[in-house]
N, C-alpha and C. Protein backbone atom coordinates (compact mmCIF):
# COMPACT_ATOMS: atom_id res chain seq x y z
N MET A 1 89.84 77.30 105.06
CA MET A 1 91.25 77.99 104.57
C MET A 1 91.13 76.42 103.90
N PRO A 2 91.51 76.59 102.40
CA PRO A 2 91.61 75.00 101.80
C PRO A 2 92.54 74.55 101.80
N LYS A 3 93.14 73.60 101.92
CA LYS A 3 94.43 73.22 101.49
C LYS A 3 94.86 72.97 100.57
N LEU A 4 96.26 73.41 100.67
CA LEU A 4 97.09 72.57 99.53
C LEU A 4 97.25 71.56 98.39
N LYS A 5 97.08 71.25 97.92
CA LYS A 5 97.97 70.29 97.45
C LYS A 5 98.63 70.03 96.92
N LEU A 6 99.91 68.67 97.85
CA LEU A 6 101.11 69.49 97.57
C LEU A 6 101.47 68.56 95.93
N VAL A 7 102.10 68.29 95.37
CA VAL A 7 102.72 67.28 94.06
C VAL A 7 103.91 67.17 94.35
N ARG A 8 104.14 66.32 94.10
CA ARG A 8 105.50 65.63 93.86
C ARG A 8 106.33 65.33 92.74
N GLY A 9 107.54 65.27 92.55
CA GLY A 9 108.35 65.64 91.65
C GLY A 9 109.85 66.24 91.70
N GLY A 10 110.37 66.38 90.81
CA GLY A 10 111.95 66.40 90.33
C GLY A 10 112.16 67.94 90.34
N ARG A 11 111.54 67.99 90.80
CA ARG A 11 111.61 70.27 91.25
C ARG A 11 111.92 70.07 92.28
N PRO A 12 112.67 70.66 92.83
CA PRO A 12 113.35 71.52 94.18
C PRO A 12 112.17 72.24 95.07
N ARG A 13 111.88 72.11 96.30
CA ARG A 13 111.51 72.39 97.00
C ARG A 13 110.64 73.94 97.69
N PHE A 14 109.96 74.35 98.19
CA PHE A 14 110.19 75.46 99.49
C PHE A 14 108.85 76.08 99.96
N THR A 15 109.15 76.69 101.07
CA THR A 15 108.10 77.32 101.53
C THR A 15 107.72 79.10 101.48
N LEU A 16 107.05 79.23 101.07
CA LEU A 16 106.63 80.36 101.36
C LEU A 16 106.42 80.86 102.17
N VAL A 17 107.03 81.99 102.65
CA VAL A 17 106.62 83.10 104.14
C VAL A 17 106.08 84.36 103.48
N TYR A 18 105.06 84.50 103.72
CA TYR A 18 104.45 85.94 103.33
C TYR A 18 103.00 86.36 104.46
N GLY A 19 103.33 87.60 104.74
CA GLY A 19 102.14 88.14 105.17
C GLY A 19 101.47 89.69 104.62
N MET A 20 100.70 89.50 104.90
CA MET A 20 99.17 91.10 103.97
C MET A 20 98.03 91.91 104.06
N ARG A 21 98.13 92.55 104.68
CA ARG A 21 97.08 93.30 105.47
C ARG A 21 97.14 94.86 104.24
N LEU A 22 96.03 94.98 104.04
CA LEU A 22 95.34 96.35 104.18
C LEU A 22 95.37 97.77 105.43
N PHE A 23 95.86 98.71 104.86
CA PHE A 23 95.41 99.20 106.61
C PHE A 23 95.06 100.72 105.65
N PRO A 24 94.31 102.16 106.62
CA PRO A 24 94.25 103.10 105.78
C PRO A 24 95.24 103.70 105.76
N PRO A 25 95.09 104.71 104.63
CA PRO A 25 96.14 105.67 103.91
C PRO A 25 97.10 106.28 104.86
N ALA A 26 98.13 106.57 104.91
CA ALA A 26 98.45 107.54 106.15
C ALA A 26 98.88 107.01 107.47
N GLU A 27 98.43 105.49 107.49
CA GLU A 27 97.94 104.94 109.05
C GLU A 27 99.51 104.14 109.75
N VAL A 28 100.57 103.86 108.71
CA VAL A 28 101.59 103.19 108.41
C VAL A 28 102.55 104.44 108.18
N SER A 29 103.47 103.69 110.18
CA SER A 29 104.86 104.61 110.03
C SER A 29 106.31 104.30 110.00
N ALA A 30 106.23 102.74 109.35
CA ALA A 30 107.61 101.90 110.42
C ALA A 30 107.11 100.46 109.52
N VAL A 31 108.61 100.28 109.04
CA VAL A 31 107.53 99.30 108.22
C VAL A 31 108.86 97.79 108.21
N SER A 32 109.08 96.74 109.59
CA SER A 32 110.13 96.35 110.10
C SER A 32 110.52 95.15 109.19
N SER A 33 111.76 93.89 109.22
CA SER A 33 111.85 92.78 109.08
C SER A 33 110.69 91.53 109.76
N ALA A 34 111.09 90.76 109.40
CA ALA A 34 110.40 89.92 109.84
C ALA A 34 110.97 88.69 110.20
N ARG A 35 111.17 88.35 111.49
CA ARG A 35 112.22 87.09 111.29
C ARG A 35 111.63 85.23 111.37
N VAL A 36 113.30 84.56 111.04
CA VAL A 36 112.09 83.19 111.20
C VAL A 36 113.37 82.50 111.27
N THR A 37 112.77 81.57 112.70
CA THR A 37 113.85 80.61 113.13
C THR A 37 113.42 79.17 112.38
N PHE A 38 114.82 78.59 111.83
CA PHE A 38 115.03 77.48 110.71
C PHE A 38 114.50 76.38 112.00
N ALA A 39 114.46 75.13 111.15
CA ALA A 39 114.45 73.83 112.09
C ALA A 39 115.82 73.89 112.94
N ASN A 40 117.62 73.97 112.02
CA ASN A 40 118.13 74.31 112.61
C ASN A 40 118.85 74.96 114.01
N GLY A 41 117.52 76.06 114.33
CA GLY A 41 117.89 77.15 115.08
C GLY A 41 118.04 78.30 114.66
N GLN A 42 118.35 78.32 113.60
CA GLN A 42 119.83 79.47 113.11
C GLN A 42 118.67 80.18 112.96
N GLU A 43 118.10 81.37 112.87
CA GLU A 43 117.49 82.53 112.10
C GLU A 43 117.83 83.61 111.27
N GLY A 44 116.50 84.18 110.29
CA GLY A 44 117.05 84.86 108.99
C GLY A 44 115.33 86.04 108.91
N ARG A 45 115.74 86.26 108.14
CA ARG A 45 114.40 87.79 108.58
C ARG A 45 113.98 87.49 106.69
N VAL A 46 112.90 87.82 106.57
CA VAL A 46 111.78 88.51 105.58
C VAL A 46 111.66 89.99 105.53
N THR A 47 112.13 90.30 104.29
CA THR A 47 111.72 91.63 104.18
C THR A 47 110.30 91.68 104.14
N LEU A 48 109.63 92.74 104.48
CA LEU A 48 108.30 93.21 104.19
C LEU A 48 108.09 94.57 103.40
N HIS A 49 107.17 94.35 102.19
CA HIS A 49 107.56 95.15 101.37
C HIS A 49 106.13 96.39 101.47
N VAL A 50 106.01 97.36 100.92
CA VAL A 50 104.27 98.42 101.21
C VAL A 50 104.68 99.11 99.74
N ILE A 51 102.88 98.45 99.73
CA ILE A 51 102.64 98.91 97.82
C ILE A 51 101.53 100.04 98.54
N ASP A 52 101.77 101.37 98.26
CA ASP A 52 100.28 102.86 98.18
C ASP A 52 100.01 102.53 96.64
N GLY A 53 98.47 102.26 97.13
CA GLY A 53 97.94 103.00 96.19
C GLY A 53 96.07 101.93 96.00
N THR A 54 95.42 102.47 95.18
CA THR A 54 94.53 102.24 94.77
C THR A 54 94.21 100.55 94.66
N ARG A 55 93.07 99.30 94.77
CA ARG A 55 92.77 98.35 94.85
C ARG A 55 93.41 97.37 93.66
N ASP A 56 93.23 97.77 92.70
CA ASP A 56 93.47 97.40 91.23
C ASP A 56 94.89 98.19 90.86
N GLN A 57 95.78 99.18 91.28
CA GLN A 57 97.10 99.99 91.09
C GLN A 57 97.99 98.19 92.41
N ILE A 58 97.59 98.53 93.14
CA ILE A 58 97.94 97.63 94.33
C ILE A 58 98.07 96.00 94.38
N ARG A 59 97.65 95.29 93.51
CA ARG A 59 97.12 94.24 93.11
C ARG A 59 98.24 93.90 91.83
N ARG A 60 98.43 95.13 90.63
CA ARG A 60 99.12 95.00 89.41
C ARG A 60 100.47 95.17 90.43
N GLN A 61 100.88 95.71 90.87
CA GLN A 61 101.42 95.85 91.22
C GLN A 61 102.20 94.94 92.36
N LEU A 62 101.80 93.87 92.81
CA LEU A 62 101.75 93.09 93.60
C LEU A 62 102.37 91.69 92.61
N LEU A 63 100.82 91.75 91.59
CA LEU A 63 101.46 90.27 90.44
C LEU A 63 102.78 90.62 89.80
N ALA A 64 103.52 92.31 89.61
CA ALA A 64 104.70 92.54 89.12
C ALA A 64 105.28 91.82 89.93
N SER A 65 105.04 92.06 91.59
CA SER A 65 106.68 91.59 91.51
C SER A 65 107.04 90.43 92.52
N VAL A 66 105.56 89.31 92.11
CA VAL A 66 105.58 88.54 92.00
C VAL A 66 106.69 87.76 91.03
N ASP A 67 105.99 88.16 89.89
CA ASP A 67 107.16 87.81 88.73
C ASP A 67 108.41 87.82 88.58
N ALA A 68 108.59 89.10 89.18
CA ALA A 68 110.01 89.40 88.97
C ALA A 68 110.28 88.29 90.57
N PHE A 69 110.25 88.40 91.61
CA PHE A 69 110.80 88.10 92.81
C PHE A 69 111.45 86.18 91.79
N PHE A 70 110.06 85.47 90.95
CA PHE A 70 110.54 84.36 90.81
C PHE A 70 111.70 84.21 89.29
N GLU A 71 111.94 85.52 88.80
CA GLU A 71 112.43 85.69 87.67
C GLU A 71 113.89 85.29 88.57
N ILE A 72 114.09 85.92 89.33
CA ILE A 72 115.31 86.73 90.30
C ILE A 72 115.74 84.95 90.55
N TYR A 73 114.93 84.11 90.47
CA TYR A 73 115.73 83.14 91.90
C TYR A 73 115.47 82.09 90.62
N GLY A 74 115.37 81.97 89.37
CA GLY A 74 115.32 81.87 87.92
C GLY A 74 114.82 79.87 87.95
N GLN A 75 114.74 79.41 87.31
CA GLN A 75 115.19 77.90 86.71
C GLN A 75 115.83 76.89 87.22
N SER A 76 116.61 77.20 88.23
CA SER A 76 117.04 76.79 89.02
C SER A 76 117.25 76.31 90.79
N GLY A 77 116.13 77.46 91.04
CA GLY A 77 115.25 76.90 92.43
C GLY A 77 116.81 77.50 93.53
N GLY A 78 117.29 78.48 92.34
CA GLY A 78 118.00 79.36 94.13
C GLY A 78 118.70 80.86 93.51
N PRO A 79 118.66 81.27 94.62
CA PRO A 79 119.17 83.14 93.96
C PRO A 79 120.04 82.88 92.75
N GLY A 80 120.21 83.69 91.73
CA GLY A 80 121.45 84.10 90.51
C GLY A 80 120.85 83.27 88.79
């Protein structure tokens, strides 16, 4: 797996946590939130999303979802 190049600068930095896996149609019966433990010991959750369709449909929806996610966070680096 290639290493990510870290770019230093004045912009806020984040850690992106996500998972992805393709399953055969109709084999998924439930999806639960994943737990995240922070450095201070507190816990949070990451909501998992499900997209059904062909490879191209899934790809289009995923890219649109990623764009929408970053629009929600805006230029300030935080929600809102």
